[in-house]
Amino acid sequence: MEERLKDSKVSNRWTTLLFIIYLIALYYILLLKLGIRFSYMRERITNFIPFSEGIIFTSEKIMNVVIFLPLGIYAGILFERWIFATKLLLFFSLSLFIEALQYILRIGAFDVTDLITNTTGAVTGVMLFEGLDKAFNNRCKAQKLINLLAAASTVIMIVVLVLLKMNRLPIRYQ
């Protein structure tokens, strides 16, 4: 029993560290825009009509869902005692904060569609973790798998961000 508790504490520390790295990367990607200035940043742009371009999922909408998946996964692990409504409020509030900052600082548009897709990504992340938890029938094993995958993904993400920043990839961040 004591060994399992110790194992759980170590896993929680790793998860917390990976969560902090994720939040830093999220800040860097969404608010610093990889240090790139775009011409549209001179104006403040807003969109208060959800899916005004249609419900078809463009790559931007899909990326919004994907980039917020880890938030939901980490919240599912670290805030397991929170009820779903509290987690949902966290996801929406963080997304609203990011959208508002992008507008205020003129580094992006305030877009209601982004609020919806970001929140959807985080909710999907919670559901993914809960599915893994049930599949393993062991929360600690599910968390260890997430930590392993997150650590590998974090290394890959950092390498990609550095290569993007150095213009060493055939793609450009938009």
C-alpha atoms as a PDB file:
ATOM      1  CA  MET A   1       0.000   0.000   0.000  1.00  0.00           C
ATOM      2  CA  GLU A   2       2.805   2.403   0.920  1.00  0.00           C
ATOM      3  CA  GLU A   3       4.644   1.547  -2.308  1.00  0.00           C
ATOM      4  CA  ARG A   4       1.535   2.382  -4.357  1.00  0.00           C
ATOM      5  CA  LEU A   5       1.153   5.738  -2.573  1.00  0.00           C
ATOM      6  CA  LYS A   6       4.811   6.582  -3.252  1.00  0.00           C
ATOM      7  CA  ASP A   7       4.393   5.540  -6.893  1.00  0.00           C
ATOM      8  CA  SER A   8       1.318   7.768  -7.176  1.00  0.00           C
ATOM      9  CA  LYS A   9       3.171  10.778  -5.716  1.00  0.00           C
ATOM     10  CA  VAL A  10       6.034  10.338  -8.195  1.00  0.00           C
ATOM     11  CA  SER A  11       3.551  10.074 -11.077  1.00  0.00           C
ATOM     12  CA  ASN A  12       1.742  13.205  -9.875  1.00  0.00           C
ATOM     13  CA  ARG A  13       5.027  15.134  -9.759  1.00  0.00           C
ATOM     14  CA  TRP A  14       5.831  14.098 -13.325  1.00  0.00           C
ATOM     15  CA  THR A  15       2.328  14.993 -14.459  1.00  0.00           C
ATOM     16  CA  THR A  16       2.567  18.391 -12.755  1.00  0.00           C
ATOM     17  CA  LEU A  17       5.942  19.090 -14.404  1.00  0.00           C
ATOM     18  CA  LEU A  18       4.623  18.081 -17.823  1.00  0.00           C
ATOM     19  CA  PHE A  19       1.504  20.207 -17.244  1.00  0.00           C
ATOM     20  CA  ILE A  20       3.652  23.259 -16.462  1.00  0.00           C
ATOM     21  CA  ILE A  21       5.736  22.676 -19.606  1.00  0.00           C
ATOM     22  CA  TYR A  22       2.500  22.359 -21.598  1.00  0.00           C
ATOM     23  CA  LEU A  23       1.159  25.660 -20.203  1.00  0.00           C
ATOM     24  CA  ILE A  24       4.439  27.419 -21.078  1.00  0.00           C
ATOM     25  CA  ALA A  25       4.285  26.014 -24.619  1.00  0.00           C
ATOM     26  CA  LEU A  26       0.624  27.047 -24.913  1.00  0.00           C
ATOM     27  CA  TYR A  27       1.567  30.580 -23.854  1.00  0.00           C
ATOM     28  CA  TYR A  28       4.467  30.641 -26.305  1.00  0.00           C
ATOM     29  CA  ILE A  29       2.394  29.355 -29.220  1.00  0.00           C
ATOM     30  CA  LEU A  30      -0.849  31.263 -28.654  1.00  0.00           C
ATOM     31  CA  LEU A  31       0.295  34.529 -27.116  1.00  0.00           C
ATOM     32  CA  LEU A  32       3.817  35.019 -28.391  1.00  0.00           C
ATOM     33  CA  LYS A  33       3.001  33.489 -31.800  1.00  0.00           C
ATOM     34  CA  LEU A  34       6.519  32.048 -31.878  1.00  0.00           C
ATOM     35  CA  GLY A  35       7.811  35.625 -31.921  1.00  0.00           C
ATOM     36  CA  ILE A  36       6.443  36.203 -35.421  1.00  0.00           C
ATOM     37  CA  ARG A  37       4.516  39.399 -36.240  1.00  0.00           C
ATOM     38  CA  PHE A  38       1.760  39.161 -38.817  1.00  0.00           C
ATOM     39  CA  SER A  39       0.317  42.051 -40.819  1.00  0.00           C
ATOM     40  CA  TYR A  40      -3.210  41.479 -39.463  1.00  0.00           C
ATOM     41  CA  MET A  41      -1.937  42.176 -35.947  1.00  0.00           C
ATOM     42  CA  ARG A  42      -2.189  45.927 -36.461  1.00  0.00           C
ATOM     43  CA  GLU A  43      -5.967  45.752 -36.215  1.00  0.00           C
ATOM     44  CA  ARG A  44      -8.198  44.323 -33.528  1.00  0.00           C
ATOM     45  CA  ILE A  45     -10.420  41.656 -35.030  1.00  0.00           C
ATOM     46  CA  THR A  46     -13.475  40.063 -33.420  1.00  0.00           C
ATOM     47  CA  ASN A  47     -15.901  37.339 -34.413  1.00  0.00           C
ATOM     48  CA  PHE A  48     -18.911  36.856 -32.164  1.00  0.00           C
ATOM     49  CA  ILE A  49     -20.763  34.499 -34.519  1.00  0.00           C
ATOM     50  CA  PRO A  50     -19.889  30.838 -33.859  1.00  0.00           C
ATOM     51  CA  PHE A  51     -18.712  28.984 -36.965  1.00  0.00           C
ATOM     52  CA  SER A  52     -19.411  32.011 -39.170  1.00  0.00           C
ATOM     53  CA  GLU A  53     -17.383  30.350 -41.929  1.00  0.00           C
ATOM     54  CA  GLY A  54     -19.553  27.232 -41.715  1.00  0.00           C
ATOM     55  CA  ILE A  55     -19.439  24.130 -39.585  1.00  0.00           C
ATOM     56  CA  ILE A  56     -16.826  22.496 -41.832  1.00  0.00           C
ATOM     57  CA  PHE A  57     -13.760  21.800 -39.744  1.00  0.00           C
ATOM     58  CA  THR A  58     -10.782  23.586 -41.200  1.00  0.00           C
ATOM     59  CA  SER A  59      -7.250  22.761 -40.127  1.00  0.00           C
ATOM     60  CA  GLU A  60      -7.306  25.755 -37.746  1.00  0.00           C
ATOM     61  CA  LYS A  61     -10.389  24.464 -35.934  1.00  0.00           C
ATOM     62  CA  ILE A  62      -8.933  20.958 -35.738  1.00  0.00           C
ATOM     63  CA  MET A  63      -5.642  22.343 -34.404  1.00  0.00           C
ATOM     64  CA  ASN A  64      -7.538  24.298 -31.724  1.00  0.00           C
ATOM     65  CA  VAL A  65      -9.139  21.056 -30.553  1.00  0.00           C
ATOM     66  CA  VAL A  66      -5.818  19.174 -30.663  1.00  0.00           C
ATOM     67  CA  ILE A  67      -3.797  21.846 -28.844  1.00  0.00           C
ATOM     68  CA  PHE A  68      -6.272  21.849 -25.939  1.00  0.00           C
ATOM     69  CA  LEU A  69      -6.484  18.036 -25.597  1.00  0.00           C
ATOM     70  CA  PRO A  70      -3.549  17.943 -23.151  1.00  0.00           C
ATOM     71  CA  LEU A  71      -5.245  20.524 -20.918  1.00  0.00           C
ATOM     72  CA  GLY A  72      -8.175  18.166 -20.486  1.00  0.00           C
ATOM     73  CA  ILE A  73      -5.960  15.134 -19.976  1.00  0.00           C
ATOM     74  CA  TYR A  74      -3.879  16.883 -17.316  1.00  0.00           C
ATOM     75  CA  ALA A  75      -7.007  18.262 -15.630  1.00  0.00           C
ATOM     76  CA  GLY A  76      -8.486  14.768 -15.603  1.00  0.00           C
ATOM     77  CA  ILE A  77      -5.418  13.530 -13.748  1.00  0.00           C
ATOM     78  CA  LEU A  78      -4.482  16.437 -11.498  1.00  0.00           C
ATOM     79  CA  PHE A  79      -7.961  17.718 -10.666  1.00  0.00           C
ATOM     80  CA  GLU A  80      -9.691  14.351 -10.350  1.00  0.00           C
ATOM     81  CA  ARG A  81     -11.728  15.509  -7.354  1.00  0.00           C
ATOM     82  CA  TRP A  82     -13.202  18.451  -9.244  1.00  0.00           C
ATOM     83  CA  ILE A  83     -16.673  17.930 -10.638  1.00  0.00           C
ATOM     84  CA  PHE A  84     -17.039  18.118 -14.413  1.00  0.00           C
ATOM     85  CA  ALA A  85     -18.731  21.542 -14.324  1.00  0.00           C
ATOM     86  CA  THR A  86     -15.719  23.024 -12.494  1.00  0.00           C
ATOM     87  CA  LYS A  87     -13.321  21.581 -15.075  1.00  0.00           C
ATOM     88  CA  LEU A  88     -15.530  22.896 -17.868  1.00  0.00           C
ATOM     89  CA  LEU A  89     -15.484  26.357 -16.290  1.00  0.00           C
ATOM     90  CA  LEU A  90     -11.663  26.175 -16.082  1.00  0.00           C
ATOM     91  CA  PHE A  91     -11.378  25.225 -19.759  1.00  0.00           C
ATOM     92  CA  PHE A  92     -13.757  27.933 -20.925  1.00  0.00           C
ATOM     93  CA  SER A  93     -12.187  30.582 -18.654  1.00  0.00           C
ATOM     94  CA  LEU A  94      -8.649  29.812 -19.830  1.00  0.00           C
ATOM     95  CA  SER A  95      -9.759  29.942 -23.451  1.00  0.00           C
ATOM     96  CA  LEU A  96     -11.642  33.209 -22.849  1.00  0.00           C
ATOM     97  CA  PHE A  97      -8.550  34.670 -21.148  1.00  0.00           C
ATOM     98  CA  ILE A  98      -6.342  33.710 -24.102  1.00  0.00           C
ATOM     99  CA  GLU A  99      -8.805  35.080 -26.669  1.00  0.00           C
ATOM    100  CA  ALA A 100      -9.195  38.338 -24.711  1.00  0.00           C
ATOM    101  CA  LEU A 101      -5.421  38.764 -24.396  1.00  0.00           C
ATOM    102  CA  GLN A 102      -4.954  38.163 -28.112  1.00  0.00           C
ATOM    103  CA  TYR A 103      -7.472  40.924 -28.804  1.00  0.00           C
ATOM    104  CA  ILE A 104      -6.196  43.385 -26.182  1.00  0.00           C
ATOM    105  CA  LEU A 105      -2.540  42.925 -27.132  1.00  0.00           C
ATOM    106  CA  ARG A 106      -3.293  42.890 -30.876  1.00  0.00           C
ATOM    107  CA  ILE A 107      -1.644  39.539 -31.363  1.00  0.00           C
ATOM    108  CA  GLY A 108      -4.667  37.730 -32.741  1.00  0.00           C
ATOM    109  CA  ALA A 109      -8.402  37.835 -33.122  1.00  0.00           C
ATOM    110  CA  PHE A 110     -11.074  37.317 -30.493  1.00  0.00           C
ATOM    111  CA  ASP A 111     -13.096  34.483 -32.006  1.00  0.00           C
ATOM    112  CA  VAL A 112     -16.086  32.755 -30.393  1.00  0.00           C
ATOM    113  CA  THR A 113     -15.436  29.719 -32.592  1.00  0.00           C
ATOM    114  CA  ASP A 114     -12.025  29.396 -30.917  1.00  0.00           C
ATOM    115  CA  LEU A 115     -13.706  29.466 -27.501  1.00  0.00           C
ATOM    116  CA  ILE A 116     -15.906  26.564 -28.573  1.00  0.00           C
ATOM    117  CA  THR A 117     -13.165  24.493 -30.238  1.00  0.00           C
ATOM    118  CA  ASN A 118     -10.636  25.093 -27.449  1.00  0.00           C
ATOM    119  CA  THR A 119     -13.161  24.062 -24.794  1.00  0.00           C
ATOM    120  CA  THR A 120     -14.193  21.052 -26.891  1.00  0.00           C
ATOM    121  CA  GLY A 121     -10.557  19.959 -27.111  1.00  0.00           C
ATOM    122  CA  ALA A 122     -10.102  20.121 -23.347  1.00  0.00           C
ATOM    123  CA  VAL A 123     -13.368  18.255 -22.676  1.00  0.00           C
ATOM    124  CA  THR A 124     -12.296  15.592 -25.178  1.00  0.00           C
ATOM    125  CA  GLY A 125      -8.996  15.304 -23.288  1.00  0.00           C
ATOM    126  CA  VAL A 126     -10.830  14.589 -20.026  1.00  0.00           C
ATOM    127  CA  MET A 127     -12.910  11.935 -21.784  1.00  0.00           C
ATOM    128  CA  LEU A 128      -9.775  10.371 -23.295  1.00  0.00           C
ATOM    129  CA  PHE A 129      -8.144  10.072 -19.888  1.00  0.00           C
ATOM    130  CA  GLU A 130     -11.304   8.666 -18.319  1.00  0.00           C
ATOM    131  CA  GLY A 131     -11.480   6.123 -21.158  1.00  0.00           C
ATOM    132  CA  LEU A 132      -7.859   5.113 -20.551  1.00  0.00           C
ATOM    133  CA  ASP A 133      -8.516   4.901 -16.832  1.00  0.00           C
ATOM    134  CA  LYS A 134     -11.416   2.506 -17.440  1.00  0.00           C
ATOM    135  CA  ALA A 135      -9.480   0.485 -20.046  1.00  0.00           C
ATOM    136  CA  PHE A 136      -6.559  -0.046 -17.663  1.00  0.00           C
ATOM    137  CA  ASN A 137      -8.839  -0.367 -14.642  1.00  0.00           C
ATOM    138  CA  ASN A 138      -5.914   1.233 -12.823  1.00  0.00           C
ATOM    139  CA  ARG A 139      -5.567   5.021 -12.570  1.00  0.00           C
ATOM    140  CA  CYS A 140      -1.845   4.896 -11.795  1.00  0.00           C
ATOM    141  CA  LYS A 141      -1.064   2.788 -14.898  1.00  0.00           C
ATOM    142  CA  ALA A 142      -3.154   5.086 -17.086  1.00  0.00           C
ATOM    143  CA  GLN A 143      -1.336   8.099 -15.635  1.00  0.00           C
ATOM    144  CA  LYS A 144       2.066   6.484 -16.237  1.00  0.00           C
ATOM    145  CA  LEU A 145       1.156   5.866 -19.888  1.00  0.00           C
ATOM    146  CA  ILE A 146       0.007   9.484 -20.255  1.00  0.00           C
ATOM    147  CA  ASN A 147       3.243  10.707 -18.641  1.00  0.00           C
ATOM    148  CA  LEU A 148       5.340   8.580 -20.995  1.00  0.00           C
ATOM    149  CA  LEU A 149       3.454   9.758 -24.078  1.00  0.00           C
ATOM    150  CA  ALA A 150       3.431  13.367 -22.839  1.00  0.00           C
ATOM    151  CA  ALA A 151       7.176  13.337 -22.168  1.00  0.00           C
ATOM    152  CA  ALA A 152       7.892  12.024 -25.671  1.00  0.00           C
ATOM    153  CA  SER A 153       5.436  14.506 -27.209  1.00  0.00           C
ATOM    154  CA  THR A 154       6.955  17.366 -25.217  1.00  0.00           C
ATOM    155  CA  VAL A 155      10.423  16.607 -26.568  1.00  0.00           C
ATOM    156  CA  ILE A 156       9.047  16.429 -30.116  1.00  0.00           C
ATOM    157  CA  MET A 157       7.079  19.665 -29.638  1.00  0.00           C
ATOM    158  CA  ILE A 158      10.136  21.535 -28.337  1.00  0.00           C
ATOM    159  CA  VAL A 159      12.240  20.318 -31.265  1.00  0.00           C
ATOM    160  CA  VAL A 160       9.528  21.355 -33.763  1.00  0.00           C
ATOM    161  CA  LEU A 161       9.116  24.787 -32.125  1.00  0.00           C
ATOM    162  CA  VAL A 162      12.869  25.378 -32.208  1.00  0.00           C
ATOM    163  CA  LEU A 163      13.068  24.269 -35.845  1.00  0.00           C
ATOM    164  CA  LEU A 164      10.107  26.511 -36.738  1.00  0.00           C
ATOM    165  CA  LYS A 165      11.707  29.447 -34.976  1.00  0.00           C
ATOM    166  CA  MET A 166      14.962  28.827 -36.857  1.00  0.00           C
ATOM    167  CA  ASN A 167      13.091  28.476 -40.201  1.00  0.00           C
ATOM    168  CA  ARG A 168      14.464  24.953 -40.611  1.00  0.00           C
ATOM    169  CA  LEU A 169      11.138  23.341 -41.558  1.00  0.00           C
ATOM    170  CA  PRO A 170       9.418  23.450 -44.954  1.00  0.00           C
ATOM    171  CA  ILE A 171       6.243  24.740 -43.242  1.00  0.00           C
ATOM    172  CA  ARG A 172       5.480  28.155 -41.828  1.00  0.00           C
ATOM    173  CA  TYR A 173       3.525  28.981 -38.697  1.00  0.00           C
ATOM    174  CA  GLN A 174       0.403  31.021 -39.471  1.00  0.00           C
END
